[in-house]
Amino acid sequence: MNKADLIDKVAEKSGLAKKDVRAVVDGVFNNIAEFLASEAKKKQDKRKKVQIIGFGTFFARDRAPRKGVNPQTGAEITIPKKVVPGFKPGKNLKERVEG
């Protein structure tokens, strides 16, 4: 399912216009992304999360530096530390997927 499919499904189930649903979906995704981007600038232990009860938690986490290999030269390189988005599914979502 892609974003357009999600918008279609929500519009169908809610009876709302697709343009209204698109605005809401875009707003939710943009707000989560903006929040995580602002939290990424903070220290790991000071970061807050976006928790949607029953669905899951979005958060920013540190990825440690690691060794890699340049595929063109075969030379070993160090990939620097960076902050990446993460997601942990909630209990209800896990149970629904497990069936």
N, C-alpha and C. Protein backbone atom coordinates (compact mmCIF):
# COMPACT_ATOMS: atom_id res chain seq x y z
N MET A 1 0.85 -1.17 0.00
CA MET A 1 0.00 0.00 0.00
C MET A 1 0.90 1.24 0.00
N ASN A 2 0.60 2.17 -0.86
CA ASN A 2 1.35 3.42 -0.87
C ASN A 2 0.47 4.54 -0.30
N LYS A 3 0.99 5.75 -0.29
CA LYS A 3 0.27 6.87 0.31
C LYS A 3 -1.07 7.13 -0.38
N ALA A 4 -1.10 7.05 -1.70
CA ALA A 4 -2.35 7.27 -2.45
C ALA A 4 -3.39 6.22 -2.08
N ASP A 5 -2.96 4.96 -1.94
CA ASP A 5 -3.88 3.90 -1.53
C ASP A 5 -4.42 4.16 -0.13
N LEU A 6 -3.55 4.61 0.76
CA LEU A 6 -3.97 4.93 2.13
C LEU A 6 -5.02 6.03 2.12
N ILE A 7 -4.78 7.07 1.34
CA ILE A 7 -5.74 8.18 1.25
C ILE A 7 -7.07 7.68 0.70
N ASP A 8 -7.04 6.86 -0.33
CA ASP A 8 -8.27 6.30 -0.90
C ASP A 8 -9.06 5.50 0.15
N LYS A 9 -8.35 4.64 0.89
CA LYS A 9 -9.02 3.80 1.90
C LYS A 9 -9.66 4.65 3.00
N VAL A 10 -8.91 5.63 3.49
CA VAL A 10 -9.43 6.47 4.58
C VAL A 10 -10.62 7.28 4.08
N ALA A 11 -10.52 7.81 2.86
CA ALA A 11 -11.63 8.59 2.30
C ALA A 11 -12.87 7.71 2.15
N GLU A 12 -12.67 6.49 1.69
CA GLU A 12 -13.78 5.55 1.50
C GLU A 12 -14.45 5.21 2.84
N LYS A 13 -13.65 4.92 3.85
CA LYS A 13 -14.20 4.51 5.15
C LYS A 13 -14.79 5.67 5.94
N SER A 14 -14.23 6.86 5.75
CA SER A 14 -14.69 8.00 6.55
C SER A 14 -15.77 8.81 5.87
N GLY A 15 -15.88 8.69 4.55
CA GLY A 15 -16.86 9.49 3.82
C GLY A 15 -16.38 10.91 3.56
N LEU A 16 -15.13 11.20 3.87
CA LEU A 16 -14.57 12.53 3.64
C LEU A 16 -14.03 12.63 2.21
N ALA A 17 -13.87 13.84 1.74
CA ALA A 17 -13.30 14.07 0.41
C ALA A 17 -11.82 13.70 0.42
N LYS A 18 -11.34 13.19 -0.72
CA LYS A 18 -9.94 12.78 -0.81
C LYS A 18 -8.99 13.94 -0.54
N LYS A 19 -9.34 15.15 -1.00
CA LYS A 19 -8.44 16.28 -0.77
C LYS A 19 -8.32 16.61 0.72
N ASP A 20 -9.41 16.42 1.47
CA ASP A 20 -9.37 16.66 2.91
C ASP A 20 -8.53 15.59 3.61
N VAL A 21 -8.72 14.35 3.20
CA VAL A 21 -7.95 13.25 3.78
C VAL A 21 -6.47 13.43 3.45
N ARG A 22 -6.17 13.82 2.21
CA ARG A 22 -4.78 14.05 1.81
C ARG A 22 -4.14 15.12 2.70
N ALA A 23 -4.86 16.19 2.98
CA ALA A 23 -4.34 17.26 3.83
C ALA A 23 -4.05 16.75 5.24
N VAL A 24 -4.93 15.92 5.76
CA VAL A 24 -4.73 15.36 7.11
C VAL A 24 -3.54 14.40 7.13
N VAL A 25 -3.49 13.49 6.17
CA VAL A 25 -2.39 12.52 6.11
C VAL A 25 -1.06 13.25 5.95
N ASP A 26 -1.00 14.21 5.03
CA ASP A 26 0.23 14.99 4.84
C ASP A 26 0.60 15.72 6.13
N GLY A 27 -0.39 16.28 6.80
CA GLY A 27 -0.15 16.99 8.04
C GLY A 27 0.43 16.08 9.12
N VAL A 28 -0.13 14.89 9.26
CA VAL A 28 0.37 13.94 10.26
C VAL A 28 1.81 13.55 9.95
N PHE A 29 2.08 13.15 8.72
CA PHE A 29 3.43 12.73 8.35
C PHE A 29 4.44 13.87 8.49
N ASN A 30 4.06 15.06 8.04
CA ASN A 30 4.97 16.21 8.13
C ASN A 30 5.26 16.58 9.58
N ASN A 31 4.25 16.54 10.43
CA ASN A 31 4.47 16.88 11.83
C ASN A 31 5.36 15.86 12.53
N ILE A 32 5.18 14.59 12.24
CA ILE A 32 6.05 13.56 12.82
C ILE A 32 7.48 13.79 12.34
N ALA A 33 7.67 14.01 11.05
CA ALA A 33 9.02 14.22 10.50
C ALA A 33 9.68 15.46 11.08
N GLU A 34 8.95 16.56 11.18
CA GLU A 34 9.50 17.79 11.75
C GLU A 34 9.89 17.60 13.21
N PHE A 35 9.04 16.91 13.95
CA PHE A 35 9.34 16.67 15.36
C PHE A 35 10.59 15.82 15.51
N LEU A 36 10.70 14.74 14.74
CA LEU A 36 11.88 13.88 14.83
C LEU A 36 13.14 14.62 14.41
N ALA A 37 13.04 15.47 13.39
CA ALA A 37 14.19 16.26 12.95
C ALA A 37 14.66 17.20 14.06
N SER A 38 13.72 17.81 14.77
CA SER A 38 14.11 18.71 15.86
C SER A 38 14.69 17.93 17.04
N GLU A 39 14.16 16.76 17.31
CA GLU A 39 14.68 15.93 18.41
C GLU A 39 16.05 15.35 18.08
N ALA A 40 16.35 15.15 16.80
CA ALA A 40 17.63 14.57 16.38
C ALA A 40 18.79 15.47 16.78
N LYS A 41 18.52 16.75 16.95
CA LYS A 41 19.57 17.70 17.30
C LYS A 41 19.92 17.65 18.80
N LYS A 42 19.10 16.96 19.56
CA LYS A 42 19.32 16.87 21.01
C LYS A 42 20.16 15.64 21.33
N LYS A 43 20.67 15.60 22.55
CA LYS A 43 21.40 14.41 23.00
C LYS A 43 20.43 13.25 23.12
N GLN A 44 20.94 12.03 22.93
CA GLN A 44 20.13 10.82 22.92
C GLN A 44 19.23 10.72 24.15
N ASP A 45 19.76 11.00 25.33
CA ASP A 45 18.97 10.83 26.55
C ASP A 45 17.96 11.95 26.79
N LYS A 46 17.98 13.00 25.97
CA LYS A 46 17.05 14.12 26.12
C LYS A 46 15.95 14.11 25.06
N ARG A 47 15.99 13.15 24.15
CA ARG A 47 15.03 13.13 23.04
C ARG A 47 13.67 12.61 23.49
N LYS A 48 12.63 13.21 22.90
CA LYS A 48 11.27 12.76 23.13
C LYS A 48 10.83 11.92 21.94
N LYS A 49 9.72 11.21 22.09
CA LYS A 49 9.21 10.31 21.06
C LYS A 49 7.80 10.70 20.66
N VAL A 50 7.38 10.18 19.52
CA VAL A 50 5.99 10.33 19.09
C VAL A 50 5.33 8.98 19.35
N GLN A 51 4.45 8.93 20.35
CA GLN A 51 3.83 7.67 20.73
C GLN A 51 2.35 7.70 20.36
N ILE A 52 1.94 6.73 19.55
CA ILE A 52 0.54 6.58 19.17
C ILE A 52 0.09 5.27 19.79
N ILE A 53 -0.65 5.38 20.88
CA ILE A 53 -1.06 4.20 21.65
C ILE A 53 -1.79 3.22 20.73
N GLY A 54 -1.39 1.95 20.82
CA GLY A 54 -2.01 0.90 20.02
C GLY A 54 -1.39 0.72 18.65
N PHE A 55 -0.63 1.73 18.19
CA PHE A 55 0.00 1.64 16.87
C PHE A 55 1.50 1.49 17.00
N GLY A 56 2.15 2.45 17.63
CA GLY A 56 3.59 2.35 17.80
C GLY A 56 4.22 3.66 18.18
N THR A 57 5.55 3.65 18.25
CA THR A 57 6.32 4.80 18.66
C THR A 57 7.38 5.12 17.62
N PHE A 58 7.42 6.39 17.21
CA PHE A 58 8.45 6.89 16.30
C PHE A 58 9.49 7.61 17.14
N PHE A 59 10.77 7.44 16.80
CA PHE A 59 11.82 8.08 17.58
C PHE A 59 13.06 8.30 16.71
N ALA A 60 13.95 9.16 17.20
CA ALA A 60 15.24 9.39 16.55
C ALA A 60 16.29 8.64 17.37
N ARG A 61 17.17 7.90 16.71
CA ARG A 61 18.19 7.14 17.43
C ARG A 61 19.54 7.33 16.76
N ASP A 62 20.58 7.13 17.54
CA ASP A 62 21.93 7.23 17.01
C ASP A 62 22.34 5.92 16.36
N ARG A 63 22.97 6.03 15.21
CA ARG A 63 23.59 4.87 14.58
C ARG A 63 25.09 5.05 14.77
N ALA A 64 25.73 4.09 15.39
CA ALA A 64 27.16 4.17 15.70
C ALA A 64 28.00 4.19 14.43
N PRO A 65 29.20 4.78 14.51
CA PRO A 65 30.08 4.72 13.35
C PRO A 65 30.47 3.26 13.09
N ARG A 66 30.72 2.94 11.84
CA ARG A 66 31.06 1.55 11.52
C ARG A 66 32.00 1.51 10.33
N LYS A 67 32.60 0.37 10.14
CA LYS A 67 33.52 0.17 9.02
C LYS A 67 32.74 -0.26 7.80
N GLY A 68 33.18 0.21 6.65
CA GLY A 68 32.57 -0.17 5.38
C GLY A 68 33.66 -0.36 4.35
N VAL A 69 33.28 -0.75 3.16
CA VAL A 69 34.23 -0.96 2.08
C VAL A 69 33.76 -0.18 0.86
N ASN A 70 34.67 0.60 0.28
CA ASN A 70 34.37 1.30 -0.96
C ASN A 70 34.29 0.26 -2.06
N PRO A 71 33.12 0.09 -2.71
CA PRO A 71 32.97 -0.98 -3.70
C PRO A 71 33.83 -0.78 -4.95
N GLN A 72 34.22 0.46 -5.25
CA GLN A 72 35.03 0.69 -6.45
C GLN A 72 36.50 0.38 -6.21
N THR A 73 37.02 0.74 -5.02
CA THR A 73 38.45 0.55 -4.76
C THR A 73 38.75 -0.60 -3.82
N GLY A 74 37.77 -1.03 -3.07
CA GLY A 74 37.98 -2.08 -2.08
C GLY A 74 38.61 -1.55 -0.79
N ALA A 75 38.83 -0.23 -0.75
CA ALA A 75 39.44 0.37 0.44
C ALA A 75 38.45 0.40 1.59
N GLU A 76 38.98 0.19 2.79
CA GLU A 76 38.14 0.26 3.99
C GLU A 76 37.89 1.72 4.33
N ILE A 77 36.64 2.03 4.67
CA ILE A 77 36.28 3.39 5.06
C ILE A 77 35.53 3.35 6.38
N THR A 78 35.49 4.48 7.06
CA THR A 78 34.70 4.60 8.28
C THR A 78 33.45 5.40 7.94
N ILE A 79 32.31 4.79 8.19
CA ILE A 79 31.03 5.45 7.99
C ILE A 79 30.71 6.18 9.29
N PRO A 80 30.54 7.50 9.25
CA PRO A 80 30.38 8.26 10.49
C PRO A 80 29.06 8.00 11.21
N LYS A 81 29.06 8.36 12.48
CA LYS A 81 27.86 8.29 13.31
C LYS A 81 26.81 9.21 12.72
N LYS A 82 25.54 8.79 12.81
CA LYS A 82 24.46 9.68 12.39
C LYS A 82 23.18 9.32 13.13
N VAL A 83 22.21 10.21 13.03
CA VAL A 83 20.92 10.01 13.68
C VAL A 83 19.94 9.55 12.62
N VAL A 84 19.20 8.48 12.91
CA VAL A 84 18.24 7.91 11.97
C VAL A 84 16.89 7.75 12.64
N PRO A 85 15.80 7.76 11.85
CA PRO A 85 14.49 7.53 12.45
C PRO A 85 14.29 6.06 12.80
N GLY A 86 13.51 5.81 13.83
CA GLY A 86 13.19 4.45 14.22
C GLY A 86 11.70 4.32 14.51
N PHE A 87 11.23 3.08 14.52
CA PHE A 87 9.83 2.81 14.83
C PHE A 87 9.76 1.52 15.61
N LYS A 88 8.97 1.54 16.68
CA LYS A 88 8.72 0.33 17.46
C LYS A 88 7.22 0.10 17.46
N PRO A 89 6.75 -1.02 16.91
CA PRO A 89 5.31 -1.26 16.86
C PRO A 89 4.72 -1.45 18.25
N GLY A 90 3.48 -1.01 18.39
CA GLY A 90 2.76 -1.18 19.65
C GLY A 90 2.18 -2.57 19.77
N LYS A 91 1.70 -2.89 20.95
CA LYS A 91 1.17 -4.22 21.24
C LYS A 91 0.01 -4.59 20.30
N ASN A 92 -0.94 -3.68 20.12
CA ASN A 92 -2.10 -3.98 19.26
C ASN A 92 -1.68 -4.23 17.82
N LEU A 93 -0.75 -3.45 17.31
CA LEU A 93 -0.28 -3.65 15.94
C LEU A 93 0.41 -4.99 15.81
N LYS A 94 1.26 -5.33 16.75
CA LYS A 94 1.95 -6.63 16.70
C LYS A 94 0.94 -7.78 16.70
N GLU A 95 -0.06 -7.68 17.56
CA GLU A 95 -1.06 -8.75 17.65
C GLU A 95 -1.85 -8.89 16.35
N ARG A 96 -2.19 -7.77 15.71
CA ARG A 96 -2.95 -7.82 14.46
C ARG A 96 -2.13 -8.44 13.33
N VAL A 97 -0.84 -8.11 13.30
CA VAL A 97 0.03 -8.66 12.26
C VAL A 97 0.28 -10.15 12.48
N GLU A 98 0.46 -10.55 13.72
CA GLU A 98 0.69 -11.95 14.04
C GLU A 98 -0.51 -12.82 13.70
N GLY A 99 -1.69 -12.20 13.73
CA GLY A 99 -2.90 -12.91 13.37
C GLY A 99 -3.40 -13.74 14.45
